[in-house]
Amino acid sequence: MPDDLKYILGNLSLVDVTYNPLQFRFRLHGSNVADRYGSDMTNTTVDEITDPERARTLKEHFTEVVDRRRPIVQLRYLATAYITLPNDSEALTLPLSNDDKTINMLLAALVWKKEEKK
């Protein structure tokens, strides 16, 4: 199965989910995503993100996945000055559970729309 994901590995993140309070910690932050945002979030919680808009967007998205207990796709446009690549993106987040009851991890994939040639 890992061979099937080679094309997107750098765009995948694994996020640990803990409760009381609900918190999200990046266990693994994809290298392409880290390059895009200018920082590797591995071992960092969403609450530690310094950009409040990015933190809010991620927390809302991850919370929705946990609450609904199903995959959710989110289309985004991030107008952030330090991002030099196209900002239109699509995020898919999948809930994972090791006991089929409690969601304890999320698998997130983020892809960007390719730049259009003018």
Protein backbone atom coordinates (compact mmCIF):
# COMPACT_ATOMS: atom_id res chain seq x y z
CA MET A 1 0.00 0.00 0.00
CA PRO A 2 2.77 2.60 0.68
CA ASP A 3 3.78 2.26 -2.98
CA ASP A 4 0.26 3.35 -3.94
CA LEU A 5 0.76 6.61 -2.02
CA LYS A 6 4.22 7.58 -3.34
CA TYR A 7 2.77 10.30 -5.54
CA ILE A 8 1.29 12.13 -2.55
CA LEU A 9 3.49 11.21 0.44
CA GLY A 10 4.89 14.73 0.84
CA ASN A 11 1.35 16.09 1.00
CA LEU A 12 0.17 13.79 3.82
CA SER A 13 0.08 14.56 7.51
CA LEU A 14 -0.78 12.33 10.47
CA VAL A 15 -2.48 14.15 13.32
CA ASP A 16 -2.94 12.66 16.80
CA VAL A 17 -6.29 13.43 18.44
CA THR A 18 -6.56 13.73 22.22
CA TYR A 19 -9.57 14.59 24.33
CA ASN A 20 -10.46 16.64 27.43
CA PRO A 21 -9.72 19.11 25.96
CA LEU A 22 -9.92 18.22 22.27
CA GLN A 23 -6.48 18.80 20.82
CA PHE A 24 -4.68 18.00 17.57
CA ARG A 25 -0.92 17.32 17.38
CA PHE A 26 0.93 16.72 14.13
CA ARG A 27 2.68 13.37 14.46
CA LEU A 28 4.02 13.80 10.93
CA HIS A 29 3.75 16.91 8.79
CA GLY A 30 4.19 16.29 5.06
CA SER A 31 7.38 17.74 3.59
CA ASN A 32 5.55 19.48 0.71
CA VAL A 33 3.09 21.03 3.16
CA ALA A 34 5.94 22.11 5.45
CA ASP A 35 7.76 23.70 2.49
CA ARG A 36 4.59 25.50 1.44
CA TYR A 37 3.97 27.00 4.88
CA GLY A 38 7.60 27.59 5.74
CA SER A 39 7.66 25.39 8.85
CA ASP A 40 7.53 21.75 9.83
CA MET A 41 4.65 21.26 12.28
CA THR A 42 5.77 17.76 13.36
CA ASN A 43 5.23 17.41 17.15
CA THR A 44 3.34 20.72 17.24
CA THR A 45 -0.30 21.22 18.21
CA VAL A 46 -2.74 23.24 16.15
CA ASP A 47 -3.03 25.57 19.17
CA GLU A 48 0.69 26.40 18.80
CA ILE A 49 0.31 27.72 15.24
CA THR A 50 1.19 31.41 15.31
CA ASP A 51 -1.08 32.44 12.42
CA PRO A 52 -4.50 32.72 14.13
CA GLU A 53 -6.49 32.33 10.90
CA ARG A 54 -4.62 29.18 9.90
CA ALA A 55 -4.98 27.76 13.43
CA ARG A 56 -8.72 28.50 13.47
CA THR A 57 -9.28 26.98 10.01
CA LEU A 58 -7.40 23.78 10.87
CA LYS A 59 -9.03 23.37 14.28
CA GLU A 60 -12.52 23.83 12.80
CA HIS A 61 -11.80 21.37 9.98
CA PHE A 62 -10.28 18.72 12.26
CA THR A 63 -13.05 19.14 14.84
CA GLU A 64 -15.69 18.67 12.15
CA VAL A 65 -14.05 15.41 11.04
CA VAL A 66 -14.02 14.13 14.64
CA ASP A 67 -17.61 15.25 15.32
CA ARG A 68 -19.03 13.81 12.10
CA ARG A 69 -16.85 10.69 12.23
CA ARG A 70 -16.37 10.70 8.46
CA PRO A 71 -13.95 12.02 5.83
CA ILE A 72 -14.40 15.66 4.90
CA VAL A 73 -13.07 17.60 1.94
CA GLN A 74 -12.48 21.32 2.28
CA LEU A 75 -11.68 23.76 -0.52
CA ARG A 76 -9.44 26.59 0.62
CA TYR A 77 -8.00 29.81 -0.60
CA LEU A 78 -5.20 30.93 1.67
CA ALA A 79 -4.08 34.48 1.03
CA THR A 80 -0.86 34.39 2.99
CA ALA A 81 2.02 36.64 2.00
CA TYR A 82 4.83 34.16 2.71
CA ILE A 83 3.37 31.49 0.43
CA THR A 84 4.89 31.77 -3.02
CA LEU A 85 3.05 28.89 -4.69
CA PRO A 86 -0.60 28.95 -5.83
CA ASN A 87 -2.89 29.19 -2.80
CA ASP A 88 -5.97 27.36 -4.08
CA SER A 89 -6.00 24.02 -2.31
CA GLU A 90 -8.13 21.05 -1.44
CA ALA A 91 -7.82 19.27 1.90
CA LEU A 92 -9.13 15.77 2.57
CA THR A 93 -9.06 14.56 6.16
CA LEU A 94 -9.89 11.00 7.16
CA PRO A 95 -10.73 9.90 10.72
CA LEU A 96 -8.81 6.87 12.01
CA SER A 97 -9.43 4.70 15.05
CA ASN A 98 -7.49 1.83 16.58
CA ASP A 99 -10.58 0.49 18.42
CA ASP A 100 -13.37 1.32 15.93
CA LYS A 101 -14.91 3.66 18.52
CA THR A 102 -12.65 6.57 19.41
CA ILE A 103 -11.06 8.66 16.68
CA ASN A 104 -7.45 8.94 17.80
CA MET A 105 -5.76 10.02 14.58
CA LEU A 106 -6.47 11.91 11.38
CA LEU A 107 -4.86 11.38 7.99
CA ALA A 108 -4.83 14.68 6.12
CA ALA A 109 -3.93 15.23 2.47
CA LEU A 110 -3.46 18.69 1.02
CA VAL A 111 -3.10 19.37 -2.70
CA TRP A 112 -2.84 22.63 -4.57
CA LYS A 113 -4.33 23.66 -7.87
CA LYS A 114 -1.60 23.96 -10.47
CA GLU A 115 -0.65 27.40 -11.66
CA GLU A 116 -2.45 28.33 -14.82
CA LYS A 117 -0.26 29.47 -17.71
CA LYS A 118 -1.04 32.96 -18.96
